[in-house]
Amino acid sequence: MDQSLRTAARNGNVSDLYTLIQRNGNVLRCLDEMMNLKPSFARKLNHQGLSPIHLALEKGHTELVLRLMEIDKELVRVKGKNGETPLHYISKVGNHDDLLDKFLEACSNCIRDVTTRNHTALHIAVENRRLDVL
């Protein structure tokens, strides 16, 4: 693992972590070691209000999303910007790579999570006409 990533993890410096991620998205491939050094990183939000699982979803890194879920199933409930969880994100953009089923299997209670607008994943799917999510 890159020394700057190791230092950021040990010091708990989330800003440095997100700077490293923006410079090189592959830095997240060192996930196991990073999670051992600082498990709370997976729940931290960047300045845009996104957690690592949100970022992985946005970038289409399905393997990374699944690996994060292996480490902690509750990560599918991490609320990002506007209170949106990864399930809300999928409900907005579509069920690519069948992640919806995996999210619900990992944590069935995530279906009850609401955004700051008090919308569930079902509301968001209807608003965005995502029949694949419904």
N, C-alpha and C. Protein backbone atom coordinates (compact mmCIF):
# COMPACT_ATOMS: atom_id res chain seq x y z
N MET A 1 0.84 -1.17 0.00
CA MET A 1 0.00 0.00 0.00
C MET A 1 0.89 1.23 0.00
N ASP A 2 0.43 2.25 -0.69
CA ASP A 2 1.12 3.53 -0.76
C ASP A 2 1.31 4.10 0.65
N GLN A 3 2.50 4.66 0.91
CA GLN A 3 2.81 5.19 2.25
C GLN A 3 1.87 6.32 2.64
N SER A 4 1.49 7.17 1.69
CA SER A 4 0.59 8.28 2.01
C SER A 4 -0.80 7.78 2.41
N LEU A 5 -1.25 6.67 1.80
CA LEU A 5 -2.52 6.07 2.20
C LEU A 5 -2.41 5.46 3.59
N ARG A 6 -1.31 4.79 3.84
CA ARG A 6 -1.08 4.18 5.16
C ARG A 6 -1.07 5.26 6.25
N THR A 7 -0.41 6.38 5.98
CA THR A 7 -0.34 7.48 6.94
C THR A 7 -1.72 8.08 7.18
N ALA A 8 -2.47 8.30 6.11
CA ALA A 8 -3.82 8.86 6.24
C ALA A 8 -4.71 7.93 7.07
N ALA A 9 -4.60 6.62 6.84
CA ALA A 9 -5.40 5.66 7.59
C ALA A 9 -5.03 5.65 9.06
N ARG A 10 -3.75 5.63 9.35
CA ARG A 10 -3.30 5.60 10.75
C ARG A 10 -3.70 6.86 11.50
N ASN A 11 -3.62 8.00 10.82
CA ASN A 11 -3.95 9.27 11.47
C ASN A 11 -5.44 9.58 11.44
N GLY A 12 -6.20 8.78 10.72
CA GLY A 12 -7.63 9.02 10.62
C GLY A 12 -7.95 10.28 9.83
N ASN A 13 -7.09 10.63 8.90
CA ASN A 13 -7.27 11.85 8.12
C ASN A 13 -8.09 11.57 6.87
N VAL A 14 -9.39 11.80 6.97
CA VAL A 14 -10.32 11.50 5.89
C VAL A 14 -10.07 12.42 4.69
N SER A 15 -9.73 13.67 4.94
CA SER A 15 -9.47 14.61 3.84
C SER A 15 -8.33 14.10 2.96
N ASP A 16 -7.24 13.63 3.59
CA ASP A 16 -6.11 13.09 2.83
C ASP A 16 -6.54 11.85 2.05
N LEU A 17 -7.36 11.00 2.67
CA LEU A 17 -7.84 9.80 1.98
C LEU A 17 -8.59 10.16 0.71
N TYR A 18 -9.51 11.10 0.80
CA TYR A 18 -10.29 11.47 -0.37
C TYR A 18 -9.44 12.18 -1.43
N THR A 19 -8.44 12.92 -1.01
CA THR A 19 -7.51 13.52 -1.96
C THR A 19 -6.77 12.44 -2.73
N LEU A 20 -6.34 11.41 -2.02
CA LEU A 20 -5.64 10.28 -2.67
C LEU A 20 -6.57 9.54 -3.62
N ILE A 21 -7.83 9.36 -3.22
CA ILE A 21 -8.80 8.66 -4.07
C ILE A 21 -9.04 9.47 -5.35
N GLN A 22 -9.16 10.80 -5.22
CA GLN A 22 -9.39 11.63 -6.40
C GLN A 22 -8.20 11.59 -7.36
N ARG A 23 -7.01 11.53 -6.80
CA ARG A 23 -5.80 11.45 -7.64
C ARG A 23 -5.69 10.10 -8.33
N ASN A 24 -6.04 9.04 -7.61
CA ASN A 24 -5.87 7.69 -8.13
C ASN A 24 -6.95 6.79 -7.55
N GLY A 25 -8.00 6.53 -8.33
CA GLY A 25 -9.11 5.70 -7.88
C GLY A 25 -8.69 4.28 -7.51
N ASN A 26 -7.56 3.82 -8.05
CA ASN A 26 -7.09 2.48 -7.75
C ASN A 26 -6.59 2.34 -6.32
N VAL A 27 -6.44 3.45 -5.62
CA VAL A 27 -5.99 3.39 -4.24
C VAL A 27 -6.98 2.57 -3.39
N LEU A 28 -8.24 2.53 -3.83
CA LEU A 28 -9.25 1.76 -3.09
C LEU A 28 -9.03 0.26 -3.21
N ARG A 29 -8.18 -0.15 -4.12
CA ARG A 29 -7.88 -1.58 -4.25
C ARG A 29 -7.13 -2.09 -3.02
N CYS A 30 -6.57 -1.19 -2.24
CA CYS A 30 -5.87 -1.54 -0.99
C CYS A 30 -6.84 -1.56 0.18
N LEU A 31 -8.08 -1.83 -0.11
CA LEU A 31 -9.16 -1.73 0.86
C LEU A 31 -8.96 -2.57 2.11
N ASP A 32 -8.54 -3.81 1.95
CA ASP A 32 -8.42 -4.69 3.12
C ASP A 32 -7.47 -4.11 4.16
N GLU A 33 -6.32 -3.67 3.70
CA GLU A 33 -5.35 -3.13 4.65
C GLU A 33 -5.85 -1.83 5.26
N MET A 34 -6.46 -1.01 4.44
CA MET A 34 -7.00 0.24 4.93
C MET A 34 -8.07 0.00 5.99
N MET A 35 -8.95 -0.96 5.75
CA MET A 35 -10.02 -1.26 6.70
C MET A 35 -9.47 -1.83 8.00
N ASN A 36 -8.38 -2.57 7.92
CA ASN A 36 -7.75 -3.07 9.14
C ASN A 36 -7.15 -1.93 9.95
N LEU A 37 -6.55 -0.95 9.26
CA LEU A 37 -5.93 0.17 9.96
C LEU A 37 -6.97 1.14 10.52
N LYS A 38 -8.05 1.37 9.80
CA LYS A 38 -9.06 2.34 10.23
C LYS A 38 -10.44 1.94 9.68
N PRO A 39 -11.15 1.04 10.37
CA PRO A 39 -12.44 0.54 9.88
C PRO A 39 -13.49 1.64 9.65
N SER A 40 -13.41 2.73 10.37
CA SER A 40 -14.42 3.78 10.23
C SER A 40 -14.35 4.53 8.90
N PHE A 41 -13.27 4.35 8.13
CA PHE A 41 -13.16 5.03 6.84
C PHE A 41 -14.34 4.71 5.93
N ALA A 42 -14.85 3.52 5.97
CA ALA A 42 -15.93 3.12 5.07
C ALA A 42 -17.22 3.88 5.33
N ARG A 43 -17.32 4.52 6.48
CA ARG A 43 -18.53 5.28 6.82
C ARG A 43 -18.34 6.78 6.71
N LYS A 44 -17.14 7.22 6.43
CA LYS A 44 -16.85 8.65 6.36
C LYS A 44 -17.29 9.22 5.01
N LEU A 45 -17.79 10.45 5.05
CA LEU A 45 -18.22 11.13 3.84
C LEU A 45 -17.16 12.13 3.41
N ASN A 46 -17.03 12.28 2.10
CA ASN A 46 -16.11 13.30 1.59
C ASN A 46 -16.82 14.65 1.58
N HIS A 47 -16.16 15.68 1.07
CA HIS A 47 -16.74 17.03 1.06
C HIS A 47 -17.96 17.14 0.15
N GLN A 48 -18.17 16.16 -0.71
CA GLN A 48 -19.35 16.13 -1.57
C GLN A 48 -20.48 15.31 -0.94
N GLY A 49 -20.25 14.80 0.26
CA GLY A 49 -21.28 14.03 0.95
C GLY A 49 -21.41 12.60 0.48
N LEU A 50 -20.29 12.01 0.03
CA LEU A 50 -20.30 10.64 -0.49
C LEU A 50 -19.34 9.77 0.30
N SER A 51 -19.76 8.55 0.57
CA SER A 51 -18.91 7.57 1.24
C SER A 51 -18.20 6.74 0.18
N PRO A 52 -17.22 5.91 0.58
CA PRO A 52 -16.56 5.06 -0.42
C PRO A 52 -17.52 4.16 -1.21
N ILE A 53 -18.57 3.64 -0.56
CA ILE A 53 -19.50 2.78 -1.30
C ILE A 53 -20.31 3.61 -2.30
N HIS A 54 -20.66 4.85 -1.95
CA HIS A 54 -21.34 5.74 -2.89
C HIS A 54 -20.44 6.01 -4.10
N LEU A 55 -19.16 6.31 -3.83
CA LEU A 55 -18.22 6.59 -4.91
C LEU A 55 -18.05 5.38 -5.82
N ALA A 56 -17.92 4.21 -5.22
CA ALA A 56 -17.76 2.98 -6.02
C ALA A 56 -18.98 2.75 -6.90
N LEU A 57 -20.18 3.00 -6.37
CA LEU A 57 -21.40 2.86 -7.16
C LEU A 57 -21.40 3.84 -8.34
N GLU A 58 -21.10 5.10 -8.05
CA GLU A 58 -21.10 6.12 -9.10
C GLU A 58 -20.12 5.80 -10.22
N LYS A 59 -18.98 5.24 -9.87
CA LYS A 59 -17.94 4.93 -10.85
C LYS A 59 -18.15 3.58 -11.53
N GLY A 60 -19.17 2.82 -11.07
CA GLY A 60 -19.45 1.52 -11.67
C GLY A 60 -18.50 0.42 -11.24
N HIS A 61 -17.88 0.57 -10.08
CA HIS A 61 -16.95 -0.44 -9.56
C HIS A 61 -17.71 -1.45 -8.71
N THR A 62 -18.43 -2.34 -9.38
CA THR A 62 -19.29 -3.31 -8.70
C THR A 62 -18.51 -4.22 -7.77
N GLU A 63 -17.34 -4.67 -8.20
CA GLU A 63 -16.53 -5.55 -7.35
C GLU A 63 -16.18 -4.88 -6.04
N LEU A 64 -15.86 -3.61 -6.10
CA LEU A 64 -15.52 -2.87 -4.89
C LEU A 64 -16.75 -2.72 -3.99
N VAL A 65 -17.91 -2.45 -4.57
CA VAL A 65 -19.15 -2.36 -3.79
C VAL A 65 -19.38 -3.67 -3.06
N LEU A 66 -19.25 -4.78 -3.76
CA LEU A 66 -19.46 -6.10 -3.15
C LEU A 66 -18.44 -6.39 -2.06
N ARG A 67 -17.20 -5.97 -2.28
CA ARG A 67 -16.15 -6.18 -1.26
C ARG A 67 -16.45 -5.37 -0.01
N LEU A 68 -16.88 -4.14 -0.19
CA LEU A 68 -17.26 -3.32 0.96
C LEU A 68 -18.40 -3.97 1.74
N MET A 69 -19.35 -4.53 1.02
CA MET A 69 -20.49 -5.20 1.68
C MET A 69 -20.05 -6.45 2.42
N GLU A 70 -19.03 -7.13 1.90
CA GLU A 70 -18.50 -8.31 2.61
C GLU A 70 -17.92 -7.90 3.96
N ILE A 71 -17.27 -6.75 3.97
CA ILE A 71 -16.63 -6.27 5.19
C ILE A 71 -17.68 -5.83 6.21
N ASP A 72 -18.72 -5.12 5.72
CA ASP A 72 -19.76 -4.63 6.62
C ASP A 72 -21.06 -4.47 5.84
N LYS A 73 -22.01 -5.35 6.07
CA LYS A 73 -23.29 -5.33 5.35
C LYS A 73 -24.07 -4.04 5.59
N GLU A 74 -23.89 -3.44 6.73
CA GLU A 74 -24.62 -2.21 7.06
C GLU A 74 -24.17 -1.00 6.25
N LEU A 75 -23.10 -1.14 5.49
CA LEU A 75 -22.65 -0.01 4.66
C LEU A 75 -23.69 0.38 3.62
N VAL A 76 -24.60 -0.53 3.29
CA VAL A 76 -25.65 -0.18 2.33
C VAL A 76 -26.63 0.82 2.95
N ARG A 77 -26.50 1.08 4.25
CA ARG A 77 -27.38 2.05 4.92
C ARG A 77 -26.69 3.37 5.23
N VAL A 78 -25.45 3.53 4.82
CA VAL A 78 -24.73 4.78 5.08
C VAL A 78 -25.41 5.90 4.32
N LYS A 79 -25.77 6.94 5.05
CA LYS A 79 -26.47 8.07 4.43
C LYS A 79 -25.45 9.11 3.96
N GLY A 80 -25.56 9.44 2.70
CA GLY A 80 -24.70 10.45 2.11
C GLY A 80 -25.44 11.76 1.96
N LYS A 81 -25.06 12.49 0.93
CA LYS A 81 -25.68 13.79 0.65
C LYS A 81 -27.20 13.63 0.55
N ASN A 82 -27.92 14.55 1.17
CA ASN A 82 -29.39 14.54 1.19
C ASN A 82 -29.97 13.29 1.83
N GLY A 83 -29.16 12.59 2.62
CA GLY A 83 -29.63 11.40 3.31
C GLY A 83 -29.79 10.19 2.41
N GLU A 84 -29.18 10.25 1.23
CA GLU A 84 -29.32 9.14 0.28
C GLU A 84 -28.38 8.00 0.61
N THR A 85 -28.91 6.81 0.59
CA THR A 85 -28.13 5.59 0.80
C THR A 85 -27.76 5.00 -0.56
N PRO A 86 -26.90 4.01 -0.59
CA PRO A 86 -26.61 3.34 -1.87
C PRO A 86 -27.87 2.77 -2.53
N LEU A 87 -28.83 2.29 -1.74
CA LEU A 87 -30.08 1.78 -2.32
C LEU A 87 -30.85 2.92 -3.00
N HIS A 88 -30.87 4.09 -2.41
CA HIS A 88 -31.52 5.23 -3.04
C HIS A 88 -30.85 5.56 -4.37
N TYR A 89 -29.53 5.47 -4.39
CA TYR A 89 -28.79 5.76 -5.62
C TYR A 89 -29.19 4.78 -6.73
N ILE A 90 -29.24 3.50 -6.40
CA ILE A 90 -29.64 2.49 -7.39
C ILE A 90 -31.07 2.74 -7.86
N SER A 91 -31.93 3.16 -6.94
CA SER A 91 -33.32 3.43 -7.30
C SER A 91 -33.44 4.60 -8.27
N LYS A 92 -32.45 5.48 -8.25
CA LYS A 92 -32.45 6.64 -9.14
C LYS A 92 -31.86 6.30 -10.50
N VAL A 93 -30.75 5.56 -10.53
CA VAL A 93 -30.03 5.34 -11.80
C VAL A 93 -30.30 3.98 -12.44
N GLY A 94 -30.84 3.04 -11.69
CA GLY A 94 -31.13 1.73 -12.25
C GLY A 94 -30.37 0.61 -11.57
N ASN A 95 -30.87 -0.59 -11.75
CA ASN A 95 -30.34 -1.77 -11.08
C ASN A 95 -29.26 -2.45 -11.92
N HIS A 96 -28.15 -1.78 -12.08
CA HIS A 96 -27.05 -2.35 -12.85
C HIS A 96 -26.37 -3.45 -12.04
N ASP A 97 -25.98 -4.51 -12.71
CA ASP A 97 -25.26 -5.62 -12.10
C ASP A 97 -26.03 -6.29 -10.97
N ASP A 98 -27.34 -6.16 -10.96
CA ASP A 98 -28.21 -6.79 -9.96
C ASP A 98 -27.81 -6.47 -8.52
N LEU A 99 -27.33 -5.27 -8.30
CA LEU A 99 -26.93 -4.88 -6.95
C LEU A 99 -28.13 -4.71 -6.02
N LEU A 100 -29.27 -4.38 -6.57
CA LEU A 100 -30.47 -4.21 -5.74
C LEU A 100 -30.74 -5.46 -4.92
N ASP A 101 -30.74 -6.61 -5.57
CA ASP A 101 -30.97 -7.88 -4.87
C ASP A 101 -29.93 -8.12 -3.79
N LYS A 102 -28.69 -7.82 -4.11
CA LYS A 102 -27.60 -8.03 -3.15
C LYS A 102 -27.73 -7.09 -1.95
N PHE A 103 -28.15 -5.85 -2.19
CA PHE A 103 -28.36 -4.91 -1.09
C PHE A 103 -29.47 -5.40 -0.17
N LEU A 104 -30.59 -5.80 -0.76
CA LEU A 104 -31.73 -6.23 0.04
C LEU A 104 -31.44 -7.54 0.77
N GLU A 105 -30.65 -8.41 0.15
CA GLU A 105 -30.25 -9.65 0.80
C GLU A 105 -29.32 -9.37 1.98
N ALA A 106 -28.42 -8.44 1.80
CA ALA A 106 -27.46 -8.11 2.85
C ALA A 106 -28.14 -7.40 4.02
N CYS A 107 -29.11 -6.55 3.72
CA CYS A 107 -29.73 -5.75 4.76
C CYS A 107 -31.15 -5.39 4.33
N SER A 108 -32.09 -6.24 4.67
CA SER A 108 -33.47 -6.02 4.22
C SER A 108 -34.08 -4.75 4.81
N ASN A 109 -33.61 -4.30 5.95
CA ASN A 109 -34.15 -3.09 6.57
C ASN A 109 -33.80 -1.82 5.81
N CYS A 110 -32.85 -1.89 4.87
CA CYS A 110 -32.47 -0.69 4.13
C CYS A 110 -33.63 -0.16 3.29
N ILE A 111 -34.62 -0.99 3.01
CA ILE A 111 -35.78 -0.57 2.23
C ILE A 111 -36.59 0.48 2.97
N ARG A 112 -36.42 0.57 4.29
CA ARG A 112 -37.16 1.54 5.11
C ARG A 112 -36.45 2.88 5.25
N ASP A 113 -35.19 2.96 4.84
CA ASP A 113 -34.43 4.19 4.99
C ASP A 113 -35.03 5.30 4.14
N VAL A 114 -35.06 6.52 4.69
CA VAL A 114 -35.61 7.67 3.98
C VAL A 114 -34.55 8.75 3.81
N THR A 115 -34.73 9.53 2.78
CA THR A 115 -33.84 10.66 2.51
C THR A 115 -34.27 11.85 3.36
N THR A 116 -33.58 12.97 3.21
CA THR A 116 -33.96 14.17 3.95
C THR A 116 -35.32 14.70 3.48
N ARG A 117 -35.75 14.28 2.29
CA ARG A 117 -37.09 14.65 1.78
C ARG A 117 -38.13 13.61 2.18
N ASN A 118 -37.73 12.69 3.04
CA ASN A 118 -38.62 11.63 3.54
C ASN A 118 -39.06 10.67 2.43
N HIS A 119 -38.19 10.42 1.46
CA HIS A 119 -38.48 9.50 0.36
C HIS A 119 -37.76 8.18 0.57
N THR A 120 -38.47 7.10 0.33
CA THR A 120 -37.87 5.77 0.36
C THR A 120 -37.32 5.44 -1.03
N ALA A 121 -36.67 4.31 -1.14
CA ALA A 121 -36.17 3.86 -2.44
C ALA A 121 -37.33 3.67 -3.42
N LEU A 122 -38.47 3.25 -2.92
CA LEU A 122 -39.64 3.06 -3.78
C LEU A 122 -40.10 4.40 -4.37
N HIS A 123 -40.16 5.43 -3.53
CA HIS A 123 -40.53 6.76 -4.03
C HIS A 123 -39.58 7.20 -5.14
N ILE A 124 -38.30 7.01 -4.91
CA ILE A 124 -37.29 7.45 -5.87
C ILE A 124 -37.40 6.66 -7.17
N ALA A 125 -37.64 5.37 -7.07
CA ALA A 125 -37.79 4.54 -8.28
C ALA A 125 -39.00 5.01 -9.10
N VAL A 126 -40.11 5.33 -8.44
CA VAL A 126 -41.30 5.80 -9.14
C VAL A 126 -41.03 7.16 -9.79
N GLU A 127 -40.41 8.08 -9.03
CA GLU A 127 -40.09 9.42 -9.56
C GLU A 127 -39.23 9.34 -10.82
N ASN A 128 -38.33 8.37 -10.85
CA ASN A 128 -37.37 8.24 -11.95
C ASN A 128 -37.79 7.20 -12.98
N ARG A 129 -38.99 6.68 -12.84
CA ARG A 129 -39.55 5.66 -13.76
C ARG A 129 -38.60 4.49 -13.96
N ARG A 130 -38.06 4.01 -12.85
CA ARG A 130 -37.12 2.88 -12.88
C ARG A 130 -37.88 1.58 -12.64
N LEU A 131 -38.49 1.04 -13.68
CA LEU A 131 -39.24 -0.20 -13.59
C LEU A 131 -38.35 -1.37 -13.19
N ASP A 132 -37.08 -1.31 -13.59
CA ASP A 132 -36.14 -2.38 -13.22
C ASP A 132 -35.93 -2.44 -11.72
N VAL A 133 -36.13 -1.33 -11.04
CA VAL A 133 -35.98 -1.30 -9.57
C VAL A 133 -37.28 -1.70 -8.90
N LEU A 134 -38.41 -1.28 -9.45
CA LEU A 134 -39.70 -1.62 -8.87
C LEU A 134 -39.88 -3.12 -8.84
